[in-house]
Amino acid sequence: MQPTASGGGGTVMRLLPWTGEGGKPAYLSTDDKGSYLSRLADDIEVVQLGMAEDLLDDVQKTVAKEKPSVTELRSIITHLSLALRNSLRVAHSRGDRLPLSEDEDEELTVETDAVIERRVVR
């Protein structure tokens, strides 16, 4: 579940495309999509997705070789892992910022209440 800003009326915090101290997720609390940090995060997301797309070409070239070396395969796997992690972070960040319909909002509230109730009862 996405954290919300404390005392801010439930503003959803934006997952940033970089990690914070100790590799923990970094979040931005703002409703201003034009803020410097929001624009920077947008730009970094575009770069990360572009790099992932470019990596696909490298992967295809490497696996098309008759016998790619172990070093080449390890390098590709390492870069694919990073690109996938970045792409998933972008997808989660963007998905969390999508508006919910009234039905989805009610459904989410009921599900959240049920989870909280289960955890409190335990």
PDB file of N, CA and C in Angstrom:
ATOM      1  N   MET A   1       0.839  -1.183   0.000  1.00  0.00           N
ATOM      2  CA  MET A   1       0.000   0.000   0.000  1.00  0.00           C
ATOM      3  C   MET A   1       0.881   1.242   0.000  1.00  0.00           C
ATOM      4  N   GLN A   2       0.493   2.218  -0.789  1.00  0.00           N
ATOM      5  CA  GLN A   2       1.220   3.468  -0.949  1.00  0.00           C
ATOM      6  C   GLN A   2       1.067   4.331   0.296  1.00  0.00           C
ATOM      7  N   PRO A   3       2.176   4.888   0.835  1.00  0.00           N
ATOM      8  CA  PRO A   3       2.041   5.766   1.994  1.00  0.00           C
ATOM      9  C   PRO A   3       1.327   7.059   1.627  1.00  0.00           C
ATOM     10  N   THR A   4       0.709   7.673   2.629  1.00  0.00           N
ATOM     11  CA  THR A   4       0.067   8.971   2.422  1.00  0.00           C
ATOM     12  C   THR A   4       0.762   9.986   3.310  1.00  0.00           C
ATOM     13  N   ALA A   5       0.695  11.234   2.895  1.00  0.00           N
ATOM     14  CA  ALA A   5       1.325  12.307   3.659  1.00  0.00           C
ATOM     15  C   ALA A   5       0.596  12.486   4.978  1.00  0.00           C
ATOM     16  N   SER A   6       1.348  12.633   6.062  1.00  0.00           N
ATOM     17  CA  SER A   6       0.723  12.802   7.372  1.00  0.00           C
ATOM     18  C   SER A   6       0.124  14.187   7.495  1.00  0.00           C
ATOM     19  N   GLY A   7      -1.106  14.225   7.958  1.00  0.00           N
ATOM     20  CA  GLY A   7      -1.780  15.491   8.178  1.00  0.00           C
ATOM     21  C   GLY A   7      -2.171  16.221   6.911  1.00  0.00           C
ATOM     22  N   GLY A   8      -1.952  15.604   5.745  1.00  0.00           N
ATOM     23  CA  GLY A   8      -2.204  16.302   4.495  1.00  0.00           C
ATOM     24  C   GLY A   8      -3.477  15.872   3.819  1.00  0.00           C
ATOM     25  N   GLY A   9      -4.433  15.339   4.535  1.00  0.00           N
ATOM     26  CA  GLY A   9      -5.696  14.968   3.934  1.00  0.00           C
ATOM     27  C   GLY A   9      -5.609  13.748   3.041  1.00  0.00           C
ATOM     28  N   GLY A  10      -4.649  12.872   3.302  1.00  0.00           N
ATOM     29  CA  GLY A  10      -4.577  11.634   2.545  1.00  0.00           C
ATOM     30  C   GLY A  10      -3.905  11.761   1.188  1.00  0.00           C
ATOM     31  N   THR A  11      -3.078  12.790   0.987  1.00  0.00           N
ATOM     32  CA  THR A  11      -2.351  12.931  -0.265  1.00  0.00           C
ATOM     33  C   THR A  11      -1.434  11.731  -0.454  1.00  0.00           C
ATOM     34  N   VAL A  12      -1.560  11.069  -1.606  1.00  0.00           N
ATOM     35  CA  VAL A  12      -0.707   9.909  -1.890  1.00  0.00           C
ATOM     36  C   VAL A  12       0.687  10.406  -2.223  1.00  0.00           C
ATOM     37  N   MET A  13       1.672   9.771  -1.633  1.00  0.00           N
ATOM     38  CA  MET A  13       3.047  10.151  -1.883  1.00  0.00           C
ATOM     39  C   MET A  13       3.554   9.437  -3.136  1.00  0.00           C
ATOM     40  N   ARG A  14       4.335  10.138  -3.928  1.00  0.00           N
ATOM     41  CA  ARG A  14       4.856   9.601  -5.179  1.00  0.00           C
ATOM     42  C   ARG A  14       6.125   8.801  -4.925  1.00  0.00           C
ATOM     43  N   LEU A  15       6.139   7.564  -5.414  1.00  0.00           N
ATOM     44  CA  LEU A  15       7.347   6.745  -5.373  1.00  0.00           C
ATOM     45  C   LEU A  15       8.321   7.310  -6.393  1.00  0.00           C
ATOM     46  N   LEU A  16       9.511   7.665  -5.949  1.00  0.00           N
ATOM     47  CA  LEU A  16      10.502   8.268  -6.834  1.00  0.00           C
ATOM     48  C   LEU A  16      11.323   7.188  -7.542  1.00  0.00           C
ATOM     49  N   PRO A  17      11.904   7.527  -8.699  1.00  0.00           N
ATOM     50  CA  PRO A  17      12.647   6.524  -9.463  1.00  0.00           C
ATOM     51  C   PRO A  17      14.067   6.276  -8.953  1.00  0.00           C
ATOM     52  N   TRP A  18      14.340   6.657  -7.739  1.00  0.00           N
ATOM     53  CA  TRP A  18      15.623   6.364  -7.115  1.00  0.00           C
ATOM     54  C   TRP A  18      15.347   5.937  -5.684  1.00  0.00           C
ATOM     55  N   THR A  19      16.336   5.330  -5.067  1.00  0.00           N
ATOM     56  CA  THR A  19      16.147   4.866  -3.693  1.00  0.00           C
ATOM     57  C   THR A  19      16.756   5.871  -2.719  1.00  0.00           C
ATOM     58  N   GLY A  20      16.307   5.753  -1.496  1.00  0.00           N
ATOM     59  CA  GLY A  20      16.821   6.614  -0.441  1.00  0.00           C
ATOM     60  C   GLY A  20      17.953   5.922   0.305  1.00  0.00           C
ATOM     61  N   GLU A  21      18.205   6.414   1.473  1.00  0.00           N
ATOM     62  CA  GLU A  21      19.269   5.888   2.316  1.00  0.00           C
ATOM     63  C   GLU A  21      19.066   4.397   2.587  1.00  0.00           C
ATOM     64  N   GLY A  22      20.114   3.628   2.433  1.00  0.00           N
ATOM     65  CA  GLY A  22      20.044   2.197   2.700  1.00  0.00           C
ATOM     66  C   GLY A  22      19.235   1.418   1.669  1.00  0.00           C
ATOM     67  N   GLY A  23      18.994   2.017   0.498  1.00  0.00           N
ATOM     68  CA  GLY A  23      18.244   1.332  -0.551  1.00  0.00           C
ATOM     69  C   GLY A  23      16.740   1.311  -0.334  1.00  0.00           C
ATOM     70  N   LYS A  24      16.278   2.084   0.648  1.00  0.00           N
ATOM     71  CA  LYS A  24      14.838   2.135   0.926  1.00  0.00           C
ATOM     72  C   LYS A  24      14.129   2.992  -0.125  1.00  0.00           C
ATOM     73  N   PRO A  25      12.839   2.719  -0.371  1.00  0.00           N
ATOM     74  CA  PRO A  25      12.097   3.536  -1.338  1.00  0.00           C
ATOM     75  C   PRO A  25      12.080   5.006  -0.920  1.00  0.00           C
ATOM     76  N   ALA A  26      12.169   5.883  -1.915  1.00  0.00           N
ATOM     77  CA  ALA A  26      12.107   7.326  -1.670  1.00  0.00           C
ATOM     78  C   ALA A  26      10.771   7.838  -2.200  1.00  0.00           C
ATOM     79  N   TYR A  27      10.142   8.721  -1.445  1.00  0.00           N
ATOM     80  CA  TYR A  27       8.825   9.250  -1.806  1.00  0.00           C
ATOM     81  C   TYR A  27       8.840  10.769  -1.817  1.00  0.00           C
ATOM     82  N   LEU A  28       7.942  11.331  -2.614  1.00  0.00           N
ATOM     83  CA  LEU A  28       7.754  12.773  -2.694  1.00  0.00           C
ATOM     84  C   LEU A  28       6.311  13.081  -2.349  1.00  0.00           C
ATOM     85  N   SER A  29       6.114  14.009  -1.422  1.00  0.00           N
ATOM     86  CA  SER A  29       4.765  14.428  -1.042  1.00  0.00           C
ATOM     87  C   SER A  29       4.492  15.799  -1.638  1.00  0.00           C
ATOM     88  N   THR A  30       3.751  15.806  -2.744  1.00  0.00           N
ATOM     89  CA  THR A  30       3.365  17.070  -3.357  1.00  0.00           C
ATOM     90  C   THR A  30       2.201  16.847  -4.306  1.00  0.00           C
ATOM     91  N   ASP A  31       1.350  17.833  -4.406  1.00  0.00           N
ATOM     92  CA  ASP A  31       0.272  17.800  -5.389  1.00  0.00           C
ATOM     93  C   ASP A  31       0.668  18.611  -6.618  1.00  0.00           C
ATOM     94  N   ASP A  32       1.836  19.239  -6.571  1.00  0.00           N
ATOM     95  CA  ASP A  32       2.315  20.092  -7.653  1.00  0.00           C
ATOM     96  C   ASP A  32       3.116  19.255  -8.646  1.00  0.00           C
ATOM     97  N   LYS A  33       2.468  18.881  -9.761  1.00  0.00           N
ATOM     98  CA  LYS A  33       3.129  18.062 -10.776  1.00  0.00           C
ATOM     99  C   LYS A  33       4.216  18.845 -11.508  1.00  0.00           C
ATOM    100  N   GLY A  34       4.223  20.153 -11.346  1.00  0.00           N
ATOM    101  CA  GLY A  34       5.217  20.982 -12.015  1.00  0.00           C
ATOM    102  C   GLY A  34       6.398  21.339 -11.122  1.00  0.00           C
ATOM    103  N   SER A  35       6.452  20.763  -9.919  1.00  0.00           N
ATOM    104  CA  SER A  35       7.560  21.082  -9.017  1.00  0.00           C
ATOM    105  C   SER A  35       8.867  20.552  -9.603  1.00  0.00           C
ATOM    106  N   TYR A  36       9.964  21.128  -9.147  1.00  0.00           N
ATOM    107  CA  TYR A  36      11.283  20.725  -9.643  1.00  0.00           C
ATOM    108  C   TYR A  36      11.504  19.223  -9.465  1.00  0.00           C
ATOM    109  N   LEU A  37      11.227  18.699  -8.280  1.00  0.00           N
ATOM    110  CA  LEU A  37      11.459  17.267  -8.032  1.00  0.00           C
ATOM    111  C   LEU A  37      10.523  16.384  -8.847  1.00  0.00           C
ATOM    112  N   SER A  38       9.285  16.811  -9.046  1.00  0.00           N
ATOM    113  CA  SER A  38       8.360  16.036  -9.877  1.00  0.00           C
ATOM    114  C   SER A  38       8.853  15.968 -11.322  1.00  0.00           C
ATOM    115  N   ARG A  39       9.307  17.102 -11.848  1.00  0.00           N
ATOM    116  CA  ARG A  39       9.826  17.122 -13.222  1.00  0.00           C
ATOM    117  C   ARG A  39      11.101  16.301 -13.331  1.00  0.00           C
ATOM    118  N   LEU A  40      11.970  16.390 -12.331  1.00  0.00           N
ATOM    119  CA  LEU A  40      13.203  15.601 -12.325  1.00  0.00           C
ATOM    120  C   LEU A  40      12.877  14.108 -12.313  1.00  0.00           C
ATOM    121  N   ALA A  41      11.928  13.719 -11.475  1.00  0.00           N
ATOM    122  CA  ALA A  41      11.517  12.307 -11.404  1.00  0.00           C
ATOM    123  C   ALA A  41      10.936  11.861 -12.748  1.00  0.00           C
ATOM    124  N   ASP A  42      10.112  12.708 -13.381  1.00  0.00           N
ATOM    125  CA  ASP A  42       9.560  12.380 -14.708  1.00  0.00           C
ATOM    126  C   ASP A  42      10.683  12.157 -15.717  1.00  0.00           C
ATOM    127  N   ASP A  43      11.666  13.065 -15.718  1.00  0.00           N
ATOM    128  CA  ASP A  43      12.784  12.959 -16.661  1.00  0.00           C
ATOM    129  C   ASP A  43      13.598  11.687 -16.431  1.00  0.00           C
ATOM    130  N   ILE A  44      13.843  11.360 -15.171  1.00  0.00           N
ATOM    131  CA  ILE A  44      14.619  10.153 -14.861  1.00  0.00           C
ATOM    132  C   ILE A  44      13.851   8.906 -15.275  1.00  0.00           C
ATOM    133  N   GLU A  45      12.535   8.898 -15.069  1.00  0.00           N
ATOM    134  CA  GLU A  45      11.719   7.760 -15.511  1.00  0.00           C
ATOM    135  C   GLU A  45      11.829   7.565 -17.019  1.00  0.00           C
ATOM    136  N   VAL A  46      11.786   8.652 -17.771  1.00  0.00           N
ATOM    137  CA  VAL A  46      11.897   8.569 -19.230  1.00  0.00           C
ATOM    138  C   VAL A  46      13.258   7.984 -19.620  1.00  0.00           C
ATOM    139  N   VAL A  47      14.310   8.431 -18.963  1.00  0.00           N
ATOM    140  CA  VAL A  47      15.652   7.913 -19.245  1.00  0.00           C
ATOM    141  C   VAL A  47      15.727   6.424 -18.907  1.00  0.00           C
ATOM    142  N   GLN A  48      15.196   6.035 -17.743  1.00  0.00           N
ATOM    143  CA  GLN A  48      15.243   4.626 -17.338  1.00  0.00           C
ATOM    144  C   GLN A  48      14.497   3.738 -18.326  1.00  0.00           C
ATOM    145  N   LEU A  49      13.321   4.164 -18.755  1.00  0.00           N
ATOM    146  CA  LEU A  49      12.553   3.367 -19.712  1.00  0.00           C
ATOM    147  C   LEU A  49      13.246   3.318 -21.071  1.00  0.00           C
ATOM    148  N   GLY A  50      13.867   4.421 -21.477  1.00  0.00           N
ATOM    149  CA  GLY A  50      14.619   4.438 -22.733  1.00  0.00           C
ATOM    150  C   GLY A  50      15.812   3.508 -22.694  1.00  0.00           C
ATOM    151  N   MET A  51      16.507   3.485 -21.560  1.00  0.00           N
ATOM    152  CA  MET A  51      17.655   2.582 -21.408  1.00  0.00           C
ATOM    153  C   MET A  51      17.206   1.123 -21.451  1.00  0.00           C
ATOM    154  N   ALA A  52      16.061   0.823 -20.864  1.00  0.00           N
ATOM    155  CA  ALA A  52      15.533  -0.541 -20.893  1.00  0.00           C
ATOM    156  C   ALA A  52      15.210  -0.945 -22.330  1.00  0.00           C
ATOM    157  N   GLU A  53      14.644  -0.019 -23.081  1.00  0.00           N
ATOM    158  CA  GLU A  53      14.319  -0.300 -24.482  1.00  0.00           C
ATOM    159  C   GLU A  53      15.589  -0.549 -25.297  1.00  0.00           C
ATOM    160  N   ASP A  54      16.612   0.273 -25.081  1.00  0.00           N
ATOM    161  CA  ASP A  54      17.893   0.088 -25.777  1.00  0.00           C
ATOM    162  C   ASP A  54      18.530  -1.250 -25.401  1.00  0.00           C
ATOM    163  N   LEU A  55      18.373  -1.637 -24.155  1.00  0.00           N
ATOM    164  CA  LEU A  55      18.945  -2.892 -23.681  1.00  0.00           C
ATOM    165  C   LEU A  55      18.361  -4.085 -24.428  1.00  0.00           C
ATOM    166  N   LEU A  56      17.098  -3.999 -24.815  1.00  0.00           N
ATOM    167  CA  LEU A  56      16.477  -5.099 -25.563  1.00  0.00           C
ATOM    168  C   LEU A  56      17.235  -5.393 -26.852  1.00  0.00           C
ATOM    169  N   ASP A  57      17.714  -4.355 -27.530  1.00  0.00           N
ATOM    170  CA  ASP A  57      18.509  -4.559 -28.742  1.00  0.00           C
ATOM    171  C   ASP A  57      19.796  -5.316 -28.422  1.00  0.00           C
ATOM    172  N   ASP A  58      20.461  -4.924 -27.332  1.00  0.00           N
ATOM    173  CA  ASP A  58      21.694  -5.608 -26.924  1.00  0.00           C
ATOM    174  C   ASP A  58      21.425  -7.064 -26.583  1.00  0.00           C
ATOM    175  N   VAL A  59      20.319  -7.318 -25.907  1.00  0.00           N
ATOM    176  CA  VAL A  59      19.958  -8.688 -25.536  1.00  0.00           C
ATOM    177  C   VAL A  59      19.748  -9.529 -26.794  1.00  0.00           C
ATOM    178  N   GLN A  60      19.009  -8.991 -27.746  1.00  0.00           N
ATOM    179  CA  GLN A  60      18.742  -9.734 -28.981  1.00  0.00           C
ATOM    180  C   GLN A  60      20.028 -10.041 -29.729  1.00  0.00           C
ATOM    181  N   LYS A  61      20.952  -9.097 -29.782  1.00  0.00           N
ATOM    182  CA  LYS A  61      22.235  -9.329 -30.449  1.00  0.00           C
ATOM    183  C   LYS A  61      23.045 -10.405 -29.723  1.00  0.00           C
ATOM    184  N   THR A  62      23.037 -10.354 -28.405  1.00  0.00           N
ATOM    185  CA  THR A  62      23.814 -11.314 -27.621  1.00  0.00           C
ATOM    186  C   THR A  62      23.265 -12.722 -27.763  1.00  0.00           C
ATOM    187  N   VAL A  63      21.964 -12.882 -27.633  1.00  0.00           N
ATOM    188  CA  VAL A  63      21.391 -14.235 -27.707  1.00  0.00           C
ATOM    189  C   VAL A  63      21.360 -14.762 -29.135  1.00  0.00           C
ATOM    190  N   ALA A  64      21.495 -13.868 -30.125  1.00  0.00           N
ATOM    191  CA  ALA A  64      21.535 -14.310 -31.519  1.00  0.00           C
ATOM    192  C   ALA A  64      22.888 -14.924 -31.878  1.00  0.00           C
ATOM    193  N   LYS A  65      23.905 -14.637 -31.063  1.00  0.00           N
ATOM    194  CA  LYS A  65      25.229 -15.225 -31.298  1.00  0.00           C
ATOM    195  C   LYS A  65      25.141 -16.741 -31.129  1.00  0.00           C
ATOM    196  N   GLU A  66      25.984 -17.435 -31.879  1.00  0.00           N
ATOM    197  CA  GLU A  66      25.958 -18.897 -31.786  1.00  0.00           C
ATOM    198  C   GLU A  66      26.349 -19.368 -30.383  1.00  0.00           C
ATOM    199  N   LYS A  67      27.380 -18.771 -29.840  1.00  0.00           N
ATOM    200  CA  LYS A  67      27.812 -19.148 -28.485  1.00  0.00           C
ATOM    201  C   LYS A  67      28.222 -17.902 -27.709  1.00  0.00           C
ATOM    202  N   PRO A  68      27.253 -17.218 -27.102  1.00  0.00           N
ATOM    203  CA  PRO A  68      27.648 -16.061 -26.278  1.00  0.00           C
ATOM    204  C   PRO A  68      28.460 -16.550 -25.077  1.00  0.00           C
ATOM    205  N   SER A  69      29.432 -15.754 -24.677  1.00  0.00           N
ATOM    206  CA  SER A  69      30.273 -16.150 -23.544  1.00  0.00           C
ATOM    207  C   SER A  69      29.494 -16.031 -22.236  1.00  0.00           C
ATOM    208  N   VAL A  70      29.998 -16.708 -21.240  1.00  0.00           N
ATOM    209  CA  VAL A  70      29.387 -16.640 -19.905  1.00  0.00           C
ATOM    210  C   VAL A  70      29.436 -15.205 -19.393  1.00  0.00           C
ATOM    211  N   THR A  71      30.533 -14.513 -19.655  1.00  0.00           N
ATOM    212  CA  THR A  71      30.675 -13.119 -19.229  1.00  0.00           C
ATOM    213  C   THR A  71      29.617 -12.241 -19.890  1.00  0.00           C
ATOM    214  N   GLU A  72      29.379 -12.440 -21.202  1.00  0.00           N
ATOM    215  CA  GLU A  72      28.361 -11.663 -21.902  1.00  0.00           C
ATOM    216  C   GLU A  72      26.976 -11.938 -21.317  1.00  0.00           C
ATOM    217  N   LEU A  73      26.676 -13.204 -21.065  1.00  0.00           N
ATOM    218  CA  LEU A  73      25.367 -13.566 -20.518  1.00  0.00           C
ATOM    219  C   LEU A  73      25.168 -13.002 -19.114  1.00  0.00           C
ATOM    220  N   ARG A  74      26.202 -13.076 -18.286  1.00  0.00           N
ATOM    221  CA  ARG A  74      26.106 -12.506 -16.932  1.00  0.00           C
ATOM    222  C   ARG A  74      25.880 -11.003 -16.991  1.00  0.00           C
ATOM    223  N   SER A  75      26.588 -10.333 -17.894  1.00  0.00           N
ATOM    224  CA  SER A  75      26.427  -8.889 -18.038  1.00  0.00           C
ATOM    225  C   SER A  75      25.005  -8.547 -18.470  1.00  0.00           C
ATOM    226  N   ILE A  76      24.495  -9.274 -19.450  1.00  0.00           N
ATOM    227  CA  ILE A  76      23.135  -9.021 -19.933  1.00  0.00           C
ATOM    228  C   ILE A  76      22.118  -9.264 -18.821  1.00  0.00           C
ATOM    229  N   ILE A  77      22.293 -10.354 -18.070  1.00  0.00           N
ATOM    230  CA  ILE A  77      21.363 -10.668 -16.984  1.00  0.00           C
ATOM    231  C   ILE A  77      21.403  -9.576 -15.911  1.00  0.00           C
ATOM    232  N   THR A  78      22.585  -9.104 -15.579  1.00  0.00           N
ATOM    233  CA  THR A  78      22.733  -8.038 -14.590  1.00  0.00           C
ATOM    234  C   THR A  78      22.016  -6.766 -15.047  1.00  0.00           C
ATOM    235  N   HIS A  79      22.231  -6.389 -16.313  1.00  0.00           N
ATOM    236  CA  HIS A  79      21.597  -5.185 -16.841  1.00  0.00           C
ATOM    237  C   HIS A  79      20.084  -5.367 -16.987  1.00  0.00           C
ATOM    238  N   LEU A  80      19.645  -6.563 -17.375  1.00  0.00           N
ATOM    239  CA  LEU A  80      18.203  -6.830 -17.463  1.00  0.00           C
ATOM    240  C   LEU A  80      17.541  -6.724 -16.099  1.00  0.00           C
ATOM    241  N   SER A  81      18.202  -7.239 -15.080  1.00  0.00           N
ATOM    242  CA  SER A  81      17.670  -7.183 -13.722  1.00  0.00           C
ATOM    243  C   SER A  81      17.489  -5.735 -13.273  1.00  0.00           C
ATOM    244  N   LEU A  82      18.479  -4.902 -13.525  1.00  0.00           N
ATOM    245  CA  LEU A  82      18.397  -3.494 -13.154  1.00  0.00           C
ATOM    246  C   LEU A  82      17.288  -2.790 -13.950  1.00  0.00           C
ATOM    247  N   ALA A  83      17.222  -3.070 -15.255  1.00  0.00           N
ATOM    248  CA  ALA A  83      16.201  -2.439 -16.097  1.00  0.00           C
ATOM    249  C   ALA A  83      14.801  -2.866 -15.666  1.00  0.00           C
ATOM    250  N   LEU A  84      14.650  -4.133 -15.310  1.00  0.00           N
ATOM    251  CA  LEU A  84      13.345  -4.613 -14.850  1.00  0.00           C
ATOM    252  C   LEU A  84      12.975  -3.954 -13.530  1.00  0.00           C
ATOM    253  N   ARG A  85      13.925  -3.858 -12.613  1.00  0.00           N
ATOM    254  CA  ARG A  85      13.667  -3.206 -11.320  1.00  0.00           C
ATOM    255  C   ARG A  85      13.229  -1.754 -11.532  1.00  0.00           C
ATOM    256  N   ASN A  86      13.953  -1.031 -12.399  1.00  0.00           N
ATOM    257  CA  ASN A  86      13.606   0.367 -12.674  1.00  0.00           C
ATOM    258  C   ASN A  86      12.238   0.478 -13.340  1.00  0.00           C
ATOM    259  N   SER A  87      11.966  -0.397 -14.297  1.00  0.00           N
ATOM    260  CA  SER A  87      10.681  -0.360 -15.015  1.00  0.00           C
ATOM    261  C   SER A  87       9.523  -0.661 -14.077  1.00  0.00           C
ATOM    262  N   LEU A  88       9.709  -1.610 -13.179  1.00  0.00           N
ATOM    263  CA  LEU A  88       8.658  -1.927 -12.201  1.00  0.00           C
ATOM    264  C   LEU A  88       8.424  -0.758 -11.248  1.00  0.00           C
ATOM    265  N   ARG A  89       9.502  -0.096 -10.854  1.00  0.00           N
ATOM    266  CA  ARG A  89       9.368   1.070  -9.972  1.00  0.00           C
ATOM    267  C   ARG A  89       8.563   2.160 -10.677  1.00  0.00           C
ATOM    268  N   VAL A  90       8.856   2.398 -11.968  1.00  0.00           N
ATOM    269  CA  VAL A  90       8.123   3.396 -12.745  1.00  0.00           C
ATOM    270  C   VAL A  90       6.648   2.985 -12.856  1.00  0.00           C
ATOM    271  N   ALA A  91       6.413   1.707 -13.147  1.00  0.00           N
ATOM    272  CA  ALA A  91       5.026   1.228 -13.281  1.00  0.00           C
ATOM    273  C   ALA A  91       4.256   1.390 -11.973  1.00  0.00           C
ATOM    274  N   HIS A  92       4.879   1.032 -10.853  1.00  0.00           N
ATOM    275  CA  HIS A  92       4.213   1.183  -9.550  1.00  0.00           C
ATOM    276  C   HIS A  92       3.947   2.656  -9.253  1.00  0.00           C
ATOM    277  N   SER A  93       4.935   3.492  -9.516  1.00  0.00           N
ATOM    278  CA  SER A  93       4.779   4.921  -9.243  1.00  0.00           C
ATOM    279  C   SER A  93       3.643   5.516 -10.069  1.00  0.00           C
ATOM    280  N   ARG A  94       3.611   5.182 -11.343  1.00  0.00           N
ATOM    281  CA  ARG A  94       2.569   5.733 -12.220  1.00  0.00           C
ATOM    282  C   ARG A  94       1.205   5.126 -11.894  1.00  0.00           C
ATOM    283  N   GLY A  95       1.179   3.849 -11.596  1.00  0.00           N
ATOM    284  CA  GLY A  95      -0.081   3.194 -11.251  1.00  0.00           C
ATOM    285  C   GLY A  95      -0.682   3.743  -9.973  1.00  0.00           C
ATOM    286  N   ASP A  96       0.172   4.035  -9.006  1.00  0.00           N
ATOM    287  CA  ASP A  96      -0.312   4.593  -7.741  1.00  0.00           C
ATOM    288  C   ASP A  96      -0.921   5.973  -7.916  1.00  0.00           C
ATOM    289  N   ARG A  97      -0.543   6.673  -8.971  1.00  0.00           N
ATOM    290  CA  ARG A  97      -1.052   8.029  -9.203  1.00  0.00           C
ATOM    291  C   ARG A  97      -2.260   8.067 -10.120  1.00  0.00           C
ATOM    292  N   LEU A  98      -2.717   6.912 -10.594  1.00  0.00           N
ATOM    293  CA  LEU A  98      -3.917   6.886 -11.430  1.00  0.00           C
ATOM    294  C   LEU A  98      -5.147   7.155 -10.571  1.00  0.00           C
ATOM    295  N   PRO A  99      -6.077   7.950 -11.075  1.00  0.00           N
ATOM    296  CA  PRO A  99      -7.290   8.212 -10.294  1.00  0.00           C
ATOM    297  C   PRO A  99      -8.165   6.966 -10.229  1.00  0.00           C
ATOM    298  N   LEU A 100      -8.817   6.773  -9.097  1.00  0.00           N
ATOM    299  CA  LEU A 100      -9.739   5.664  -8.921  1.00  0.00           C
ATOM    300  C   LEU A 100     -11.156   6.133  -9.201  1.00  0.00           C
ATOM    301  N   SER A 101     -11.960   5.238  -9.753  1.00  0.00           N
ATOM    302  CA  SER A 101     -13.380   5.557  -9.894  1.00  0.00           C
ATOM    303  C   SER A 101     -14.011   5.464  -8.508  1.00  0.00           C
ATOM    304  N   GLU A 102     -15.228   5.958  -8.343  1.00  0.00           N
ATOM    305  CA  GLU A 102     -15.896   5.904  -7.036  1.00  0.00           C
ATOM    306  C   GLU A 102     -16.042   4.464  -6.551  1.00  0.00           C
ATOM    307  N   ASP A 103     -16.406   3.549  -7.462  1.00  0.00           N
ATOM    308  CA  ASP A 103     -16.575   2.139  -7.095  1.00  0.00           C
ATOM    309  C   ASP A 103     -15.255   1.540  -6.622  1.00  0.00           C
ATOM    310  N   GLU A 104     -14.166   1.825  -7.356  1.00  0.00           N
ATOM    311  CA  GLU A 104     -12.862   1.301  -6.974  1.00  0.00           C
ATOM    312  C   GLU A 104     -12.421   1.881  -5.640  1.00  0.00           C
ATOM    313  N   ASP A 105     -12.703   3.166  -5.419  1.00  0.00           N
ATOM    314  CA  ASP A 105     -12.325   3.822  -4.180  1.00  0.00           C
ATOM    315  C   ASP A 105     -13.056   3.185  -2.997  1.00  0.00           C
ATOM    316  N   GLU A 106     -14.374   2.937  -3.158  1.00  0.00           N
ATOM    317  CA  GLU A 106     -15.155   2.282  -2.101  1.00  0.00           C
ATOM    318  C   GLU A 106     -14.631   0.872  -1.844  1.00  0.00           C
ATOM    319  N   GLU A 107     -14.365   0.133  -2.921  1.00  0.00           N
ATOM    320  CA  GLU A 107     -13.878  -1.249  -2.813  1.00  0.00           C
ATOM    321  C   GLU A 107     -12.538  -1.276  -2.087  1.00  0.00           C
ATOM    322  N   LEU A 108     -11.639  -0.348  -2.438  1.00  0.00           N
ATOM    323  CA  LEU A 108     -10.336  -0.279  -1.802  1.00  0.00           C
ATOM    324  C   LEU A 108     -10.475   0.037  -0.320  1.00  0.00           C
ATOM    325  N   THR A 109     -11.383   0.945   0.023  1.00  0.00           N
ATOM    326  CA  THR A 109     -11.603   1.303   1.424  1.00  0.00           C
ATOM    327  C   THR A 109     -12.093   0.099   2.216  1.00  0.00           C
ATOM    328  N   VAL A 110     -13.032  -0.662   1.653  1.00  0.00           N
ATOM    329  CA  VAL A 110     -13.553  -1.858   2.326  1.00  0.00           C
ATOM    330  C   VAL A 110     -12.437  -2.886   2.503  1.00  0.00           C
ATOM    331  N   GLU A 111     -11.638  -3.120   1.451  1.00  0.00           N
ATOM    332  CA  GLU A 111     -10.535  -4.075   1.545  1.00  0.00           C
ATOM    333  C   GLU A 111      -9.505  -3.621   2.567  1.00  0.00           C
ATOM    334  N   THR A 112      -9.166  -2.340   2.561  1.00  0.00           N
ATOM    335  CA  THR A 112      -8.187  -1.806   3.506  1.00  0.00           C
ATOM    336  C   THR A 112      -8.690  -1.958   4.938  1.00  0.00           C
ATOM    337  N   ASP A 113      -9.958  -1.630   5.165  1.00  0.00           N
ATOM    338  CA  ASP A 113     -10.544  -1.777   6.495  1.00  0.00           C
ATOM    339  C   ASP A 113     -10.482  -3.231   6.956  1.00  0.00           C
ATOM    340  N   ALA A 114     -10.748  -4.175   6.040  1.00  0.00           N
ATOM    341  CA  ALA A 114     -10.717  -5.594   6.389  1.00  0.00           C
ATOM    342  C   ALA A 114      -9.303  -6.031   6.769  1.00  0.00           C
ATOM    343  N   VAL A 115      -8.311  -5.556   6.030  1.00  0.00           N
ATOM    344  CA  VAL A 115      -6.919  -5.906   6.341  1.00  0.00           C
ATOM    345  C   VAL A 115      -6.522  -5.329   7.690  1.00  0.00           C
ATOM    346  N   ILE A 116      -6.883  -4.075   7.933  1.00  0.00           N
ATOM    347  CA  ILE A 116      -6.552  -3.446   9.217  1.00  0.00           C
ATOM    348  C   ILE A 116      -7.230  -4.198  10.358  1.00  0.00           C
ATOM    349  N   GLU A 117      -8.483  -4.559  10.175  1.00  0.00           N
ATOM    350  CA  GLU A 117      -9.220  -5.277  11.206  1.00  0.00           C
ATOM    351  C   GLU A 117      -8.561  -6.622  11.511  1.00  0.00           C
ATOM    352  N   ARG A 118      -8.140  -7.350  10.478  1.00  0.00           N
ATOM    353  CA  ARG A 118      -7.474  -8.647  10.674  1.00  0.00           C
ATOM    354  C   ARG A 118      -6.180  -8.487  11.437  1.00  0.00           C
ATOM    355  N   ARG A 119      -5.415  -7.462  11.101  1.00  0.00           N
ATOM    356  CA  ARG A 119      -4.115  -7.264  11.755  1.00  0.00           C
ATOM    357  C   ARG A 119      -4.290  -6.822  13.208  1.00  0.00           C
ATOM    358  N   VAL A 120      -5.313  -6.009  13.473  1.00  0.00           N
ATOM    359  CA  VAL A 120      -5.552  -5.533  14.830  1.00  0.00           C
ATOM    360  C   VAL A 120      -6.047  -6.670  15.709  1.00  0.00           C
ATOM    361  N   VAL A 121      -6.894  -7.529  15.154  1.00  0.00           N
ATOM    362  CA  VAL A 121      -7.455  -8.640  15.930  1.00  0.00           C
ATOM    363  C   VAL A 121      -6.376  -9.633  16.329  1.00  0.00           C
ATOM    364  N   ARG A 122      -5.400  -9.832  15.459  1.00  0.00           N
ATOM    365  CA  ARG A 122      -4.315 -10.790  15.752  1.00  0.00           C
ATOM    366  C   ARG A 122      -3.545 -10.297  16.886  1.00  0.00           C
TER     367      ARG A 122
END
